[in-house]
Amino acid sequence: MSVKSVAHLNFRGDARAALEFYRSVFGGDLAVVTYKDSGDVREPAEADQVMWGQVTAGNGFHVMAYDVPSRLPWDRGENSFFLSVRGETAEEITEYWQRLSVGSAVIQPLGPAQWAPLYGMLKDRFGVVWVLDVVSPHNG
């Protein structure tokens, strides 16, 4: 038996744009079901918003997202979660960093850290905080 956890991001009307952006960064396939597709339209203005969506890529990247309906409470919050991407090479992480950083606010510039050959943190244009690093053996 095995278990896999997947980050599930919640938005208020930006889920499709966020998923499309993440697909442009990491590649892979985008799947989206809207409230209209599912027959669960309670607010006509939200019919085309994402009830369920995900990006899955052959490189192991997988993220899910949806638009929280206006009838439910939602608050982006501050530092409520980080999405971590760990790669095996500096080239791989640098490429993702360059793509994710478009329109972002850099929190920690990409560079060497005590615990990793390469580490950086940024908040993307959708308000999601990403931590990117190169995996290194623990030498504690």
Protein backbone atom coordinates (compact mmCIF):
# COMPACT_ATOMS: atom_id res chain seq x y z
CA MET A 1 0.00 0.00 0.00
CA SER A 2 1.27 3.51 -0.80
CA VAL A 3 0.02 7.04 -0.27
CA LYS A 4 0.69 10.14 -2.33
CA SER A 5 -0.06 13.66 -1.19
CA VAL A 6 -0.84 16.40 -3.69
CA ALA A 7 -1.03 20.12 -3.03
CA HIS A 8 -4.58 21.41 -3.58
CA LEU A 9 -4.68 25.19 -4.05
CA ASN A 10 -7.83 27.21 -3.47
CA PHE A 11 -8.57 30.41 -5.37
CA ARG A 12 -11.42 32.85 -5.86
CA GLY A 13 -11.81 32.98 -9.64
CA ASP A 14 -8.12 32.53 -10.59
CA ALA A 15 -7.78 28.73 -10.56
CA ARG A 16 -7.80 28.25 -14.33
CA ALA A 17 -5.23 31.01 -14.92
CA ALA A 18 -3.03 29.62 -12.13
CA LEU A 19 -3.21 26.05 -13.47
CA GLU A 20 -2.43 27.24 -17.01
CA PHE A 21 0.55 29.17 -15.67
CA TYR A 22 1.87 26.18 -13.71
CA ARG A 23 1.49 24.02 -16.81
CA SER A 24 3.58 26.56 -18.75
CA VAL A 25 6.28 26.30 -16.09
CA PHE A 26 6.39 22.53 -15.46
CA GLY A 27 4.78 21.09 -18.61
CA GLY A 28 2.31 18.25 -18.47
CA ASP A 29 -1.42 17.94 -18.92
CA LEU A 30 -4.14 20.27 -17.71
CA ALA A 31 -7.56 18.91 -16.75
CA VAL A 32 -10.40 21.23 -15.72
CA VAL A 33 -14.04 20.65 -14.79
CA THR A 34 -16.13 23.79 -14.36
CA TYR A 35 -19.23 24.17 -12.23
CA LYS A 36 -21.20 24.26 -15.49
CA ASP A 37 -19.57 21.01 -16.68
CA SER A 38 -20.64 19.30 -13.47
CA GLY A 39 -24.19 20.65 -13.52
CA ASP A 40 -23.64 22.39 -10.18
CA VAL A 41 -24.18 26.07 -11.05
CA ARG A 42 -25.53 27.91 -8.04
CA GLU A 43 -24.27 31.35 -9.07
CA PRO A 44 -24.45 32.04 -12.84
CA ALA A 45 -21.40 34.33 -12.74
CA GLU A 46 -19.33 31.38 -11.45
CA ALA A 47 -20.49 28.80 -14.02
CA ASP A 48 -17.15 28.78 -15.87
CA GLN A 49 -15.00 28.74 -12.76
CA VAL A 50 -13.02 25.63 -11.80
CA MET A 51 -14.81 23.08 -9.64
CA TRP A 52 -11.89 20.65 -10.03
CA GLY A 53 -8.62 21.04 -11.87
CA GLN A 54 -5.12 19.66 -11.96
CA VAL A 55 -1.81 19.68 -13.78
CA THR A 56 0.15 16.45 -13.94
CA ALA A 57 3.51 16.13 -15.66
CA GLY A 58 5.79 13.24 -16.51
CA ASN A 59 8.53 14.82 -14.39
CA GLY A 60 6.47 14.12 -11.24
CA PHE A 61 4.88 17.55 -10.85
CA HIS A 62 1.24 17.40 -9.73
CA VAL A 63 -0.95 20.16 -8.33
CA MET A 64 -4.71 20.48 -7.95
CA ALA A 65 -6.83 23.63 -7.66
CA TYR A 66 -10.35 24.97 -7.57
CA ASP A 67 -12.30 28.20 -7.24
CA VAL A 68 -14.00 28.49 -3.86
CA PRO A 69 -17.62 29.55 -4.56
CA SER A 70 -18.64 32.98 -3.31
CA ARG A 71 -21.16 31.40 -0.93
CA LEU A 72 -18.27 29.88 1.06
CA PRO A 73 -15.70 31.77 3.12
CA TRP A 74 -12.24 32.12 1.63
CA ASP A 75 -9.17 34.10 2.57
CA ARG A 76 -5.76 33.75 0.95
CA GLY A 77 -4.09 34.34 4.31
CA GLU A 78 -0.42 34.93 4.91
CA ASN A 79 2.13 32.12 5.02
CA SER A 80 -0.64 29.54 5.31
CA PHE A 81 1.29 27.14 3.06
CA PHE A 82 4.32 26.89 0.78
CA LEU A 83 4.50 24.74 -2.33
CA SER A 84 7.89 23.03 -2.48
CA VAL A 85 9.60 21.85 -5.67
CA ARG A 86 12.73 19.77 -5.20
CA GLY A 87 14.88 18.88 -8.18
CA GLU A 88 18.00 16.86 -8.76
CA THR A 89 20.01 19.44 -10.72
CA ALA A 90 20.70 23.15 -10.55
CA GLU A 91 19.76 23.47 -14.22
CA GLU A 92 16.31 21.99 -13.64
CA ILE A 93 15.56 24.19 -10.62
CA THR A 94 16.96 27.31 -12.31
CA GLU A 95 14.68 26.76 -15.31
CA TYR A 96 11.58 26.42 -13.10
CA TRP A 97 12.67 29.45 -11.07
CA GLN A 98 13.01 31.60 -14.19
CA ARG A 99 9.52 30.64 -15.36
CA LEU A 100 7.82 30.98 -11.97
CA SER A 101 9.47 34.31 -11.25
CA VAL A 102 7.60 36.11 -14.06
CA GLY A 103 5.39 38.61 -12.25
CA SER A 104 6.49 37.31 -8.84
CA ALA A 105 7.90 38.85 -5.69
CA VAL A 106 11.20 37.22 -4.74
CA ILE A 107 11.36 36.43 -1.02
CA GLN A 108 14.75 34.69 -1.04
CA PRO A 109 16.84 34.94 -4.22
CA LEU A 110 17.86 31.65 -5.81
CA GLY A 111 21.34 30.75 -4.60
CA PRO A 112 23.41 28.40 -2.45
CA ALA A 113 22.19 27.67 1.08
CA GLN A 114 23.72 25.81 4.02
CA TRP A 115 21.38 22.88 3.45
CA ALA A 116 21.17 22.84 -0.37
CA PRO A 117 23.35 23.64 -3.37
CA LEU A 118 20.54 25.90 -4.63
CA TYR A 119 17.54 27.34 -2.77
CA GLY A 120 15.07 30.16 -3.37
CA MET A 121 11.60 31.34 -2.36
CA LEU A 122 9.11 33.53 -4.23
CA LYS A 123 5.45 34.54 -4.18
CA ASP A 124 3.95 34.11 -7.65
CA ARG A 125 1.43 36.45 -9.25
CA PHE A 126 -1.42 34.35 -7.80
CA GLY A 127 -0.17 34.77 -4.22
CA VAL A 128 1.24 31.23 -3.91
CA VAL A 129 4.60 30.98 -2.12
CA TRP A 130 7.00 28.54 -3.82
CA VAL A 131 10.15 27.07 -2.30
CA LEU A 132 12.55 25.62 -4.86
CA ASP A 133 15.72 23.73 -4.07
CA VAL A 134 18.15 21.11 -5.29
CA VAL A 135 18.03 17.92 -3.26
CA SER A 136 21.23 17.18 -1.40
CA PRO A 137 22.19 14.38 0.98
CA HIS A 138 21.65 15.22 4.64
CA ASN A 139 24.97 15.72 6.34
CA GLY A 140 23.78 16.27 9.92
